[in-house]
C-alpha atoms as a PDB file:
ATOM      1  CA  UNK A   1     -18.095 -27.537 -28.152  1.00  0.00           C
ATOM      2  CA  UNK A   2     -17.846 -24.893 -25.464  1.00  0.00           C
ATOM      3  CA  UNK A   3     -15.040 -22.392 -25.230  1.00  0.00           C
ATOM      4  CA  UNK A   4     -14.630 -22.662 -21.474  1.00  0.00           C
ATOM      5  CA  UNK A   5     -13.796 -26.262 -20.716  1.00  0.00           C
ATOM      6  CA  UNK A   6     -13.882 -25.690 -16.956  1.00  0.00           C
ATOM      7  CA  UNK A   7     -17.638 -25.132 -17.106  1.00  0.00           C
ATOM      8  CA  UNK A   8     -18.186 -28.409 -18.917  1.00  0.00           C
ATOM      9  CA  UNK A   9     -15.767 -30.476 -16.853  1.00  0.00           C
ATOM     10  CA  UNK A  10     -16.261 -29.250 -13.316  1.00  0.00           C
ATOM     11  CA  UNK A  11     -19.453 -27.242 -13.123  1.00  0.00           C
ATOM     12  CA  UNK A  12     -19.939 -23.507 -12.612  1.00  0.00           C
ATOM     13  CA  UNK A  13     -18.206 -23.401  -9.225  1.00  0.00           C
ATOM     14  CA  UNK A  14     -14.905 -24.537 -10.696  1.00  0.00           C
ATOM     15  CA  UNK A  15     -14.824 -21.637 -13.161  1.00  0.00           C
ATOM     16  CA  UNK A  16     -15.268 -19.103 -10.351  1.00  0.00           C
ATOM     17  CA  UNK A  17     -12.468 -20.696  -8.336  1.00  0.00           C
ATOM     18  CA  UNK A  18     -10.165 -20.624 -11.351  1.00  0.00           C
ATOM     19  CA  UNK A  19     -10.963 -16.916 -11.844  1.00  0.00           C
ATOM     20  CA  UNK A  20      -9.964 -16.100  -8.251  1.00  0.00           C
ATOM     21  CA  UNK A  21      -6.816 -18.160  -8.566  1.00  0.00           C
ATOM     22  CA  UNK A  22      -5.804 -16.295 -11.707  1.00  0.00           C
ATOM     23  CA  UNK A  23      -6.514 -12.939 -10.046  1.00  0.00           C
ATOM     24  CA  UNK A  24      -4.285 -13.829  -7.094  1.00  0.00           C
ATOM     25  CA  UNK A  25      -1.578 -15.086  -9.458  1.00  0.00           C
ATOM     26  CA  UNK A  26      -1.763 -11.867 -11.494  1.00  0.00           C
ATOM     27  CA  UNK A  27      -1.547  -9.690  -8.376  1.00  0.00           C
ATOM     28  CA  UNK A  28       1.333 -11.726  -6.967  1.00  0.00           C
ATOM     29  CA  UNK A  29       3.306 -11.578 -10.182  1.00  0.00           C
ATOM     30  CA  UNK A  30       2.844  -7.806 -10.488  1.00  0.00           C
ATOM     31  CA  UNK A  31       3.783  -7.236  -6.842  1.00  0.00           C
ATOM     32  CA  UNK A  32       6.884  -9.423  -7.129  1.00  0.00           C
ATOM     33  CA  UNK A  33       7.994  -7.726 -10.319  1.00  0.00           C
ATOM     34  CA  UNK A  34       7.637  -4.185  -8.993  1.00  0.00           C
ATOM     35  CA  UNK A  35       9.281  -5.117  -5.675  1.00  0.00           C
ATOM     36  CA  UNK A  36      12.341  -6.556  -7.408  1.00  0.00           C
ATOM     37  CA  UNK A  37      12.500  -3.620  -9.799  1.00  0.00           C
ATOM     38  CA  UNK A  38      12.270  -1.047  -7.019  1.00  0.00           C
ATOM     39  CA  UNK A  39      14.517  -2.791  -4.506  1.00  0.00           C
ATOM     40  CA  UNK A  40      17.324  -4.029  -6.733  1.00  0.00           C
ATOM     41  CA  UNK A  41      16.935  -2.162 -10.016  1.00  0.00           C
ATOM     42  CA  UNK A  42      16.358   1.305  -8.580  1.00  0.00           C
ATOM     43  CA  UNK A  43      17.965   0.807  -5.130  1.00  0.00           C
ATOM     44  CA  UNK A  44      14.876   1.988  -3.255  1.00  0.00           C
ATOM     45  CA  UNK A  45      14.461   1.442   0.472  1.00  0.00           C
ATOM     46  CA  UNK A  46      12.658  -1.655   1.719  1.00  0.00           C
ATOM     47  CA  UNK A  47       9.682   0.380   2.954  1.00  0.00           C
ATOM     48  CA  UNK A  48       9.263   2.138  -0.370  1.00  0.00           C
ATOM     49  CA  UNK A  49       9.612  -1.076  -2.364  1.00  0.00           C
ATOM     50  CA  UNK A  50       7.006  -2.839  -0.229  1.00  0.00           C
ATOM     51  CA  UNK A  51       4.594   0.066  -0.528  1.00  0.00           C
ATOM     52  CA  UNK A  52       4.932   0.114  -4.312  1.00  0.00           C
ATOM     53  CA  UNK A  53       4.539  -3.680  -4.447  1.00  0.00           C
ATOM     54  CA  UNK A  54       1.335  -3.486  -2.404  1.00  0.00           C
ATOM     55  CA  UNK A  55      -0.010  -0.699  -4.607  1.00  0.00           C
ATOM     56  CA  UNK A  56       0.783  -2.435  -7.894  1.00  0.00           C
ATOM     57  CA  UNK A  57      -0.509  -5.772  -6.602  1.00  0.00           C
ATOM     58  CA  UNK A  58      -3.819  -4.155  -5.663  1.00  0.00           C
ATOM     59  CA  UNK A  59      -4.088  -2.445  -9.034  1.00  0.00           C
ATOM     60  CA  UNK A  60      -3.301  -5.710 -10.824  1.00  0.00           C
ATOM     61  CA  UNK A  61      -5.965  -7.534  -8.819  1.00  0.00           C
ATOM     62  CA  UNK A  62      -8.497  -4.834  -9.673  1.00  0.00           C
ATOM     63  CA  UNK A  63      -7.599  -5.022 -13.351  1.00  0.00           C
ATOM     64  CA  UNK A  64      -7.854  -8.818 -13.370  1.00  0.00           C
ATOM     65  CA  UNK A  65     -11.232  -8.613 -11.631  1.00  0.00           C
ATOM     66  CA  UNK A  66     -12.607  -6.113 -14.122  1.00  0.00           C
ATOM     67  CA  UNK A  67     -11.342  -8.206 -17.037  1.00  0.00           C
ATOM     68  CA  UNK A  68     -12.923 -11.362 -15.616  1.00  0.00           C
ATOM     69  CA  UNK A  69     -16.332  -9.680 -15.608  1.00  0.00           C
ATOM     70  CA  UNK A  70     -16.262  -8.979 -19.367  1.00  0.00           C
END
């Protein structure tokens, strides 16, 4: 029995697509969280909140990418 069922069920291409989907989901969740925290929790301006959201989303995508290569 394999650990990664996506490789067995859909072939190697499906696992790569799932990895990219999870990276985008991770980046989107981090960006949304930091935007809401900055904008409504800390009363930051819209420009500042968007800049922080973009920064944290990029960092989250980079972290998810590096973790997927382990």
